[in-house]
Protein backbone atom coordinates (compact mmCIF):
# COMPACT_ATOMS: atom_id res chain seq x y z
CA MET A 1 -9.10 -11.74 -6.72
CA LYS A 2 -7.50 -9.05 -9.28
CA THR A 3 -7.75 -5.51 -8.23
CA SER A 4 -9.89 -4.93 -11.59
CA LEU A 5 -12.47 -7.40 -10.50
CA PHE A 6 -12.36 -6.22 -6.71
CA PHE A 7 -13.07 -2.78 -7.44
CA ASN A 8 -15.46 -2.95 -10.48
CA ASN A 9 -17.44 -0.76 -12.34
CA THR A 10 -20.86 -1.73 -10.85
CA LEU A 11 -19.48 -1.32 -7.20
CA SER A 12 -17.99 2.15 -8.52
CA LEU A 13 -21.60 3.39 -9.15
CA MET A 14 -22.68 1.97 -5.71
CA HIS A 15 -20.00 3.72 -3.53
CA PRO A 16 -17.67 6.33 -4.76
CA LEU A 17 -14.12 4.93 -5.14
CA THR A 18 -12.18 7.30 -2.36
CA LEU A 19 -8.35 7.42 -2.43
CA ILE A 20 -6.61 8.89 0.59
CA ALA A 21 -3.17 10.06 0.79
CA ASP A 22 -0.78 10.68 3.75
CA SER A 23 2.27 12.21 2.50
CA GLY A 24 5.74 13.56 3.95
CA SER A 25 8.48 14.56 2.05
CA THR A 26 10.12 11.20 1.69
CA LYS A 27 7.42 8.68 1.62
CA ALA A 28 3.73 8.72 0.63
CA GLU A 29 1.15 6.10 1.84
CA TRP A 30 -2.00 6.04 -0.27
CA CYS A 31 -5.19 3.75 0.66
CA LEU A 32 -7.96 3.46 -1.83
CA ILE A 33 -11.12 2.52 -0.05
CA GLN A 34 -14.46 1.05 -0.06
CA PRO A 35 -16.70 -0.11 2.96
CA GLY A 36 -14.83 -3.20 4.17
CA ARG A 37 -12.30 -3.03 1.31
CA LYS A 38 -8.87 -1.35 1.14
CA LYS A 39 -5.79 -1.22 -1.26
CA ASN A 40 -2.61 0.25 0.00
CA ILE A 41 0.08 1.52 -2.13
CA VAL A 42 3.28 3.68 -1.23
CA THR A 43 5.31 5.89 -3.58
CA GLN A 44 7.91 8.39 -2.98
CA GLY A 45 6.90 11.54 -0.84
CA LEU A 46 5.24 14.64 -2.58
CA SER A 47 6.26 17.73 -0.93
CA PRO A 48 5.45 20.84 -3.03
CA TYR A 49 8.50 22.38 -1.21
CA PHE A 50 10.53 20.20 -3.25
CA LEU A 51 8.67 19.37 -6.41
CA ASN A 52 6.84 21.36 -8.60
CA THR A 53 3.44 20.67 -10.24
CA GLU A 54 4.89 18.89 -13.31
CA GLU A 55 7.38 16.92 -11.11
CA ILE A 56 4.45 16.05 -8.83
CA VAL A 57 2.43 14.84 -11.91
CA GLU A 58 5.43 12.56 -13.12
CA VAL A 59 5.59 11.05 -9.97
CA LEU A 60 1.82 10.15 -9.95
CA ARG A 61 2.09 8.89 -13.49
CA ASN A 62 5.03 6.72 -12.90
CA GLU A 63 4.38 5.33 -9.48
CA LEU A 64 0.79 5.61 -8.41
CA ALA A 65 -1.44 5.59 -11.46
CA PRO A 66 0.17 2.03 -12.86
CA LYS A 67 -0.96 0.23 -9.33
CA LEU A 68 -4.74 1.84 -10.17
CA LYS A 69 -5.41 0.30 -13.62
CA ASN A 70 -8.88 -0.11 -14.74
CA ILE A 71 -10.15 2.16 -11.56
CA VAL A 72 -11.88 5.56 -12.09
CA VAL A 73 -11.15 7.19 -8.88
CA GLU A 74 -14.00 9.67 -7.99
CA GLU A 75 -12.59 11.23 -4.43
CA ILE A 76 -9.45 11.88 -3.50
CA PHE A 77 -8.12 13.44 -0.25
CA PHE A 78 -4.78 14.34 -0.15
CA TYR A 79 -2.88 15.32 3.47
CA GLY A 80 0.48 16.37 3.08
CA THR A 81 3.63 18.41 4.20
CA GLY A 82 3.95 21.65 2.81
CA CYS A 83 0.24 21.84 2.18
CA ALA A 84 -0.49 24.87 4.47
CA SER A 85 0.32 27.43 1.98
CA PRO A 86 -2.04 28.06 -0.48
CA ILE A 87 0.16 28.16 -3.26
CA ASN A 88 1.57 24.81 -2.42
CA ALA A 89 -1.88 23.11 -1.62
CA LYS A 90 -3.08 24.68 -5.32
CA SER A 91 0.15 22.99 -7.06
CA MET A 92 -0.67 19.61 -5.33
CA LYS A 93 -4.65 20.02 -6.18
CA THR A 94 -3.75 20.87 -9.85
CA ALA A 95 -1.24 17.70 -10.35
CA LEU A 96 -3.85 15.34 -8.74
CA GLN A 97 -6.59 16.67 -11.23
CA LYS A 98 -4.08 16.15 -14.28
CA VAL A 99 -3.85 12.41 -13.29
CA PHE A 100 -7.33 11.87 -12.00
CA PRO A 101 -9.28 14.27 -14.08
CA GLU A 102 -12.58 12.30 -12.82
CA ALA A 103 -12.19 12.87 -9.38
CA ASP A 104 -13.13 15.54 -6.84
CA VAL A 105 -9.97 16.42 -4.95
CA GLU A 106 -9.47 17.82 -1.38
CA VAL A 107 -5.97 18.96 -0.29
CA GLN A 108 -5.21 19.21 3.29
CA THR A 109 -2.36 19.60 5.74
CA ASP A 110 -0.60 16.93 7.54
CA LEU A 111 -1.86 18.58 10.90
CA MET A 112 -5.49 18.06 9.64
CA ALA A 113 -4.66 14.69 8.88
CA ALA A 114 -3.64 14.13 12.64
CA ALA A 115 -6.84 15.69 13.83
CA ARG A 116 -9.01 13.46 11.79
CA ALA A 117 -7.17 10.34 12.23
CA SER A 118 -6.87 10.92 16.46
CA CYS A 119 -10.01 12.67 16.94
CA GLY A 120 -12.62 11.82 14.06
CA THR A 121 -15.30 13.95 14.68
CA GLU A 122 -14.94 14.77 18.46
CA LYS A 123 -13.56 17.61 20.11
CA GLY A 124 -9.80 17.61 21.16
CA LEU A 125 -6.18 18.53 20.93
CA ALA A 126 -4.38 16.68 18.19
CA CYS A 127 -0.52 16.69 18.25
CA ILE A 128 2.18 15.75 15.79
CA LEU A 129 5.21 14.01 17.16
CA GLY A 130 7.68 12.71 14.48
CA THR A 131 10.43 14.05 12.70
CA GLY A 132 8.77 17.39 13.34
CA SER A 133 6.04 18.57 15.76
CA ASN A 134 3.11 20.45 15.44
CA SER A 135 -0.29 20.93 17.58
CA CYS A 136 -3.71 22.43 17.24
CA TYR A 137 -7.16 22.55 18.95
CA TYR A 138 -9.74 20.81 16.47
CA ASN A 139 -13.32 21.33 17.06
CA GLY A 140 -14.64 18.12 15.42
CA LYS A 141 -14.79 20.03 11.98
CA LYS A 142 -11.98 22.31 11.55
CA ILE A 143 -8.57 23.32 13.08
CA VAL A 144 -9.61 26.32 15.32
CA ASN A 145 -6.25 27.22 16.80
CA ASN A 146 -2.50 26.19 16.33
CA SER A 147 0.48 26.67 18.11
CA PRO A 148 2.81 27.73 15.25
CA GLY A 149 5.83 25.35 14.28
CA LEU A 150 9.02 26.91 13.89
CA GLY A 151 11.15 24.26 12.32
CA TYR A 152 14.10 22.09 13.59
CA VAL A 153 16.41 25.18 14.03
CA LEU A 154 14.02 27.43 16.17
CA GLY A 155 11.63 25.25 17.57
CA ASP A 156 9.93 21.46 16.95
CA GLU A 157 10.21 20.71 20.59
CA GLY A 158 9.73 16.88 21.48
CA SER A 159 10.27 16.16 17.80
CA GLY A 160 12.63 13.40 16.52
CA ALA A 161 15.03 16.26 15.41
CA TYR A 162 14.63 18.13 18.90
CA LEU A 163 15.73 14.75 20.95
CA GLY A 164 18.20 13.86 18.46
CA LYS A 165 20.07 17.04 18.87
CA LYS A 166 19.76 16.64 22.54
CA VAL A 167 21.64 13.30 22.06
CA LEU A 168 24.28 15.02 19.95
CA GLN A 169 24.70 17.87 22.48
CA TYR A 170 25.36 15.46 25.31
CA TYR A 171 27.79 13.48 22.94
CA LEU A 172 29.57 16.31 22.17
CA TYR A 173 29.96 18.33 25.12
CA ASP A 174 31.29 14.82 26.71
CA THR A 175 28.15 14.90 29.12
CA PHE A 176 27.39 11.08 28.92
CA ASP A 177 28.89 8.82 31.41
CA GLU A 178 31.30 6.33 30.38
CA ASP A 179 29.10 3.65 29.92
CA LEU A 180 26.58 5.57 27.71
CA ARG A 181 29.43 7.06 25.62
CA ALA A 182 30.79 3.34 25.08
CA ARG A 183 26.99 2.31 23.89
CA PHE A 184 26.81 5.63 21.37
CA ASP A 185 30.59 4.92 19.95
CA ALA A 186 29.57 1.39 19.20
CA GLN A 187 26.27 2.20 17.49
CA TYR A 188 27.38 5.23 15.63
CA VAL A 189 31.16 5.21 14.20
CA THR A 190 31.34 9.12 13.99
CA ASN A 191 33.01 12.08 15.29
CA HIS A 192 32.88 15.92 16.02
CA VAL A 193 33.76 17.16 12.43
CA GLU A 194 31.30 14.28 10.64
CA ILE A 195 28.34 15.44 12.83
CA LEU A 196 29.06 19.02 12.35
CA GLU A 197 29.36 18.29 8.50
CA ASN A 198 25.91 16.31 8.08
CA VAL A 199 24.06 19.36 10.41
CA TYR A 200 25.59 21.96 8.66
CA LYS A 201 26.34 21.41 5.15
CA LYS A 202 24.64 18.24 4.13
CA PRO A 203 20.91 18.23 2.61
CA PHE A 204 18.00 16.99 5.21
CA PRO A 205 19.91 17.91 8.67
CA ASN A 206 16.52 17.59 10.43
CA ARG A 207 16.32 13.94 9.33
CA TYR A 208 19.87 13.44 10.27
CA LEU A 209 19.02 14.71 13.72
CA ALA A 210 15.94 12.61 14.18
CA GLY A 211 17.67 9.42 13.58
CA PHE A 212 19.65 9.47 16.85
CA ALA A 213 16.19 9.55 18.61
CA LEU A 214 16.54 5.87 18.09
CA PHE A 215 19.42 5.86 20.27
CA LEU A 216 16.96 6.97 23.28
CA ALA A 217 14.45 3.92 22.04
CA GLU A 218 17.28 1.58 22.51
CA ASN A 219 18.82 2.53 25.79
CA ARG A 220 15.96 3.38 27.71
CA GLY A 221 16.43 2.96 31.42
CA HIS A 222 19.05 4.71 31.70
CA TYR A 223 19.08 7.85 33.85
CA MET A 224 20.40 10.18 31.16
CA VAL A 225 18.40 8.81 28.63
CA GLU A 226 15.08 9.29 30.64
CA ASN A 227 16.21 12.66 31.31
CA ILE A 228 16.61 13.62 27.91
CA LEU A 229 13.23 12.14 27.02
CA GLU A 230 11.27 14.05 29.87
CA ASP A 231 12.94 17.06 29.39
CA GLY A 232 12.32 17.41 25.65
CA LEU A 233 8.80 16.20 25.48
CA ASN A 234 8.08 18.44 28.37
CA ASP A 235 9.47 21.45 26.31
CA PHE A 236 6.55 20.46 23.92
CA PHE A 237 4.11 20.63 26.62
CA PHE A 238 5.24 23.81 28.08
CA GLN A 239 6.11 25.87 25.06
CA HIS A 240 2.85 24.71 23.05
CA LEU A 241 -0.05 22.76 24.96
CA LEU A 242 -0.40 24.93 27.90
CA ARG A 243 -1.12 27.84 25.32
CA TYR A 244 -4.39 26.15 24.67
CA ARG A 245 -7.04 26.67 26.96
CA GLU A 246 -9.10 23.83 25.81
CA VAL A 247 -6.10 21.57 26.93
CA TRP A 248 -7.87 20.84 30.30
CA LYS A 249 -11.44 20.33 28.95
CA TYR A 250 -10.47 17.82 25.93
CA PRO A 251 -8.27 14.90 25.23
CA LEU A 252 -4.86 15.01 23.99
CA ASN A 253 -4.11 12.98 21.04
CA PHE A 254 -0.83 12.10 19.42
CA VAL A 255 0.30 11.06 15.79
CA GLY A 256 3.88 9.97 14.88
CA SER A 257 6.89 7.93 15.71
CA VAL A 258 7.91 9.53 18.64
CA ALA A 259 4.65 9.97 20.29
CA TYR A 260 4.33 6.03 19.65
CA GLY A 261 7.82 5.09 20.81
CA PHE A 262 7.63 7.20 24.08
CA LYS A 263 3.92 7.13 24.66
CA ASP A 264 4.69 5.93 28.46
CA VAL A 265 6.50 9.25 28.98
CA LEU A 266 3.73 11.24 27.27
CA GLN A 267 1.19 9.39 29.63
CA ASP A 268 3.56 10.39 32.85
CA LEU A 269 3.52 14.11 31.54
CA CYS A 270 -0.19 14.11 31.20
CA SER A 271 -0.62 13.19 34.55
CA SER A 272 1.70 15.70 35.77
CA TYR A 273 -0.26 18.47 34.13
CA GLU A 274 -3.55 16.93 34.73
CA PHE A 275 -4.35 16.77 31.27
CA GLU A 276 -6.69 13.64 29.74
CA MET A 277 -4.42 11.37 27.49
CA GLY A 278 -6.23 10.37 24.19
CA THR A 279 -5.52 8.31 21.21
CA VAL A 280 -1.86 7.58 19.92
CA LEU A 281 -1.29 6.55 16.57
CA LYS A 282 2.16 5.70 14.96
CA ASN A 283 0.68 7.09 11.63
CA PRO A 284 -2.53 8.89 10.71
CA MET A 285 -3.69 6.28 7.83
CA GLU A 286 -5.77 3.90 9.80
CA GLY A 287 -7.55 6.71 11.58
CA LEU A 288 -8.16 8.61 8.09
CA VAL A 289 -9.69 5.49 6.76
CA LYS A 290 -11.95 5.03 9.47
CA TYR A 291 -12.83 8.97 9.54
CA HIS A 292 -13.54 8.65 6.07
CA VAL A 293 -15.45 5.36 5.62
CA GLY A 294 -17.72 6.96 8.60
CA ASN A 295 -18.52 9.56 6.48
CA LEU A 296 -19.31 7.74 3.64
CA LYS A 297 -21.78 5.59 5.89
CA LYS A 298 -23.35 8.76 7.04
CA GLU A 299 -23.87 10.13 3.46
CA ARG A 300 -25.56 6.72 2.41
CA GLY A 301 -27.72 6.93 5.60
């Protein structure tokens, strides 16, 4: 069935066409939704830290709008990296309104995406463990408290970049035993000079570091790998989660590739700290669709 028939103007009058976006700096996932129906689209990432308003408009017109021909979008909920800054959020909203002038636009942070996706309308702790890390207490409507993230240089405990950095430290300090070092050398044909070049001189060192978290996933069971995982994720619990008095009262929810890949370690840590383990999602889109569809149903009674 063609999209133009699938989302026709008659249906639009009955149910507002809602577009949801979850964007990082490299990739943006979009979902056009109506009750029981959805259309998924992927574009390059839209970070207002790296793109100005006109550059964002250009990406939207070239990569997104052609896939939404004959569709009048009425609501847009954009969740993205860098949108905690009011200036950046305004830039993103302006760009979206230029391309979709008939839509009501709401711009939120990636942390709000994690909160709505994992908690819905319930109270809870929402945590991001992906390339970077972040956390908050969410009261079912808004983020009430946030333990600030300091980025991959000073913080990001428990993130892919943080875990990857530990892998490289073990390798460069020659801490790996003979077996694990041989596995590392076989998987990453690299050296001291190349690693330092990527970390200190090339763009996006956080992504480079996060790539080495894959080594941990592929070598589970080795005691050094398990130690890195337990120590790295425990640093996130100790430095951030213990700051929330609500953490002993409400579920602890996680979103992100690191959280999803190492949820057994998170479960063990929750048990040790006597926290209630909640939802673990690889990415927030499925939860965001559920959240917004649920709100549409409530509005229609």
